[in-house]
Amino acid sequence: MRHEIKIPRKIKVGGHDYRVQMGKEVSADLQDRTYRGTHSDYRRIIKLDGSLRPQEISSTFIHEVTHAIDVINCNARLSEDDIRGVATGWHQVLEKFGVRFIK
């Protein structure tokens, strides 16, 4: 059984409200910079390339939320490799349970 969770427009991380943005302009900007997503702690925005395949959108959302968790709870001490490892691990666990974030 698959549990699809719609990615919200806002998500609370560590008591902070983050806006989640997707759309044609966001996707075009991210693709120009060869990114699948970004996280801005200063602006509290997570941007996702909505044109990705569903599994990639889910993994990218988890990756960018992991950046937010790192900034708020770990003072941004994790390296990009650490973030990638933790986010990939969570993505694999959630997929095994049938949980996927969708646009």
C-alpha atoms as a PDB file:
ATOM      1  CA  MET A   1       0.000   0.000   0.000  1.00  0.00           C
ATOM      2  CA  ARG A   2       1.320   3.443  -0.941  1.00  0.00           C
ATOM      3  CA  HIS A   3       0.754   6.518   1.201  1.00  0.00           C
ATOM      4  CA  GLU A   4       1.116   9.647  -0.883  1.00  0.00           C
ATOM      5  CA  ILE A   5       1.477  12.845   1.110  1.00  0.00           C
ATOM      6  CA  LYS A   6       0.962  16.098  -0.753  1.00  0.00           C
ATOM      7  CA  ILE A   7       3.870  18.468  -0.217  1.00  0.00           C
ATOM      8  CA  PRO A   8       2.403  21.405   1.724  1.00  0.00           C
ATOM      9  CA  ARG A   9       2.872  25.028   0.740  1.00  0.00           C
ATOM     10  CA  LYS A  10       4.146  25.629   4.277  1.00  0.00           C
ATOM     11  CA  ILE A  11       5.987  23.341   6.649  1.00  0.00           C
ATOM     12  CA  LYS A  12       7.061  23.983  10.229  1.00  0.00           C
ATOM     13  CA  VAL A  13      10.634  22.951  11.048  1.00  0.00           C
ATOM     14  CA  GLY A  14      11.877  23.521  14.575  1.00  0.00           C
ATOM     15  CA  GLY A  15       9.166  26.093  15.199  1.00  0.00           C
ATOM     16  CA  HIS A  16       9.985  28.026  12.017  1.00  0.00           C
ATOM     17  CA  ASP A  17       7.562  28.297   9.110  1.00  0.00           C
ATOM     18  CA  TYR A  18       9.086  27.480   5.744  1.00  0.00           C
ATOM     19  CA  ARG A  19       7.312  28.190   2.474  1.00  0.00           C
ATOM     20  CA  VAL A  20       7.596  25.489  -0.168  1.00  0.00           C
ATOM     21  CA  GLN A  21       7.660  26.749  -3.744  1.00  0.00           C
ATOM     22  CA  MET A  22       7.176  24.854  -6.994  1.00  0.00           C
ATOM     23  CA  GLY A  23       6.082  25.983 -10.414  1.00  0.00           C
ATOM     24  CA  LYS A  24       7.325  26.639 -13.927  1.00  0.00           C
ATOM     25  CA  GLU A  25       9.453  29.657 -12.999  1.00  0.00           C
ATOM     26  CA  VAL A  26      10.953  27.914  -9.980  1.00  0.00           C
ATOM     27  CA  SER A  27      11.708  24.803 -12.057  1.00  0.00           C
ATOM     28  CA  ALA A  28      13.297  26.859 -14.845  1.00  0.00           C
ATOM     29  CA  ASP A  29      15.512  28.748 -12.381  1.00  0.00           C
ATOM     30  CA  LEU A  30      16.605  25.556 -10.630  1.00  0.00           C
ATOM     31  CA  GLN A  31      17.308  23.795 -13.933  1.00  0.00           C
ATOM     32  CA  ASP A  32      19.407  26.761 -15.118  1.00  0.00           C
ATOM     33  CA  ARG A  33      21.521  26.308 -12.002  1.00  0.00           C
ATOM     34  CA  THR A  34      21.442  22.482 -12.348  1.00  0.00           C
ATOM     35  CA  TYR A  35      19.665  22.061  -8.991  1.00  0.00           C
ATOM     36  CA  ARG A  36      16.719  19.843  -8.119  1.00  0.00           C
ATOM     37  CA  GLY A  37      15.916  21.979  -5.070  1.00  0.00           C
ATOM     38  CA  THR A  38      17.230  24.644  -2.721  1.00  0.00           C
ATOM     39  CA  HIS A  39      16.857  25.676   0.892  1.00  0.00           C
ATOM     40  CA  SER A  40      17.166  29.245   2.169  1.00  0.00           C
ATOM     41  CA  ASP A  41      17.419  29.589   5.922  1.00  0.00           C
ATOM     42  CA  TYR A  42      17.389  33.385   5.708  1.00  0.00           C
ATOM     43  CA  ARG A  43      14.180  33.498   3.657  1.00  0.00           C
ATOM     44  CA  ARG A  44      12.755  30.258   5.114  1.00  0.00           C
ATOM     45  CA  ILE A  45      11.985  28.960   1.634  1.00  0.00           C
ATOM     46  CA  ILE A  46      12.363  25.511   0.128  1.00  0.00           C
ATOM     47  CA  LYS A  47      12.211  25.431  -3.673  1.00  0.00           C
ATOM     48  CA  LEU A  48      11.591  22.229  -5.625  1.00  0.00           C
ATOM     49  CA  ASP A  49      11.757  21.422  -9.322  1.00  0.00           C
ATOM     50  CA  GLY A  50       8.218  20.200  -9.880  1.00  0.00           C
ATOM     51  CA  SER A  51       9.077  18.735 -13.284  1.00  0.00           C
ATOM     52  CA  LEU A  52      11.047  15.870 -11.724  1.00  0.00           C
ATOM     53  CA  ARG A  53       9.745  12.307 -11.569  1.00  0.00           C
ATOM     54  CA  PRO A  54       7.603  11.638  -8.466  1.00  0.00           C
ATOM     55  CA  GLN A  55      10.321   9.667  -6.665  1.00  0.00           C
ATOM     56  CA  GLU A  56      12.838  12.463  -7.310  1.00  0.00           C
ATOM     57  CA  ILE A  57      10.461  15.149  -6.027  1.00  0.00           C
ATOM     58  CA  SER A  58       9.987  13.136  -2.836  1.00  0.00           C
ATOM     59  CA  SER A  59      13.720  12.592  -2.301  1.00  0.00           C
ATOM     60  CA  THR A  60      14.494  16.250  -3.070  1.00  0.00           C
ATOM     61  CA  PHE A  61      11.861  17.450  -0.608  1.00  0.00           C
ATOM     62  CA  ILE A  62      13.352  15.211   2.103  1.00  0.00           C
ATOM     63  CA  HIS A  63      16.853  16.481   1.222  1.00  0.00           C
ATOM     64  CA  GLU A  64      15.875  20.153   1.494  1.00  0.00           C
ATOM     65  CA  VAL A  65      13.942  19.601   4.750  1.00  0.00           C
ATOM     66  CA  THR A  66      17.061  17.881   6.108  1.00  0.00           C
ATOM     67  CA  HIS A  67      19.001  21.094   5.351  1.00  0.00           C
ATOM     68  CA  ALA A  68      16.406  23.058   7.352  1.00  0.00           C
ATOM     69  CA  ILE A  69      16.670  20.614  10.269  1.00  0.00           C
ATOM     70  CA  ASP A  70      20.467  20.893  10.163  1.00  0.00           C
ATOM     71  CA  VAL A  71      20.437  24.705  10.248  1.00  0.00           C
ATOM     72  CA  ILE A  72      17.916  24.919  13.074  1.00  0.00           C
ATOM     73  CA  ASN A  73      19.031  21.995  15.233  1.00  0.00           C
ATOM     74  CA  CYS A  74      22.714  21.466  14.399  1.00  0.00           C
ATOM     75  CA  ASN A  75      23.921  25.020  13.639  1.00  0.00           C
ATOM     76  CA  ALA A  76      24.573  23.987  10.017  1.00  0.00           C
ATOM     77  CA  ARG A  77      27.374  21.639  11.041  1.00  0.00           C
ATOM     78  CA  LEU A  78      26.537  18.869   8.582  1.00  0.00           C
ATOM     79  CA  SER A  79      28.382  18.760   5.275  1.00  0.00           C
ATOM     80  CA  GLU A  80      26.544  18.331   1.989  1.00  0.00           C
ATOM     81  CA  ASP A  81      27.695  14.702   1.985  1.00  0.00           C
ATOM     82  CA  ASP A  82      26.216  14.254   5.479  1.00  0.00           C
ATOM     83  CA  ILE A  83      22.926  15.829   4.375  1.00  0.00           C
ATOM     84  CA  ARG A  84      22.854  13.617   1.276  1.00  0.00           C
ATOM     85  CA  GLY A  85      23.477  10.497   3.356  1.00  0.00           C
ATOM     86  CA  VAL A  86      20.859  11.258   6.004  1.00  0.00           C
ATOM     87  CA  ALA A  87      18.253  12.362   3.442  1.00  0.00           C
ATOM     88  CA  THR A  88      18.873   9.327   1.226  1.00  0.00           C
ATOM     89  CA  GLY A  89      18.552   7.077   4.260  1.00  0.00           C
ATOM     90  CA  TRP A  90      15.225   8.649   5.262  1.00  0.00           C
ATOM     91  CA  HIS A  91      13.985   8.466   1.692  1.00  0.00           C
ATOM     92  CA  GLN A  92      14.787   4.744   1.514  1.00  0.00           C
ATOM     93  CA  VAL A  93      13.082   4.016   4.842  1.00  0.00           C
ATOM     94  CA  LEU A  94       9.973   6.002   3.924  1.00  0.00           C
ATOM     95  CA  GLU A  95       9.746   4.371   0.477  1.00  0.00           C
ATOM     96  CA  LYS A  96       9.974   0.916   2.117  1.00  0.00           C
ATOM     97  CA  PHE A  97       6.978   1.906   4.246  1.00  0.00           C
ATOM     98  CA  GLY A  98       5.187   3.100   1.124  1.00  0.00           C
ATOM     99  CA  VAL A  99       5.412   6.792   2.013  1.00  0.00           C
ATOM    100  CA  ARG A 100       6.061   9.245  -0.799  1.00  0.00           C
ATOM    101  CA  PHE A 101       5.766  13.034  -0.907  1.00  0.00           C
ATOM    102  CA  ILE A 102       3.999  14.251  -4.060  1.00  0.00           C
ATOM    103  CA  LYS A 103       3.349  17.611  -5.657  1.00  0.00           C
END
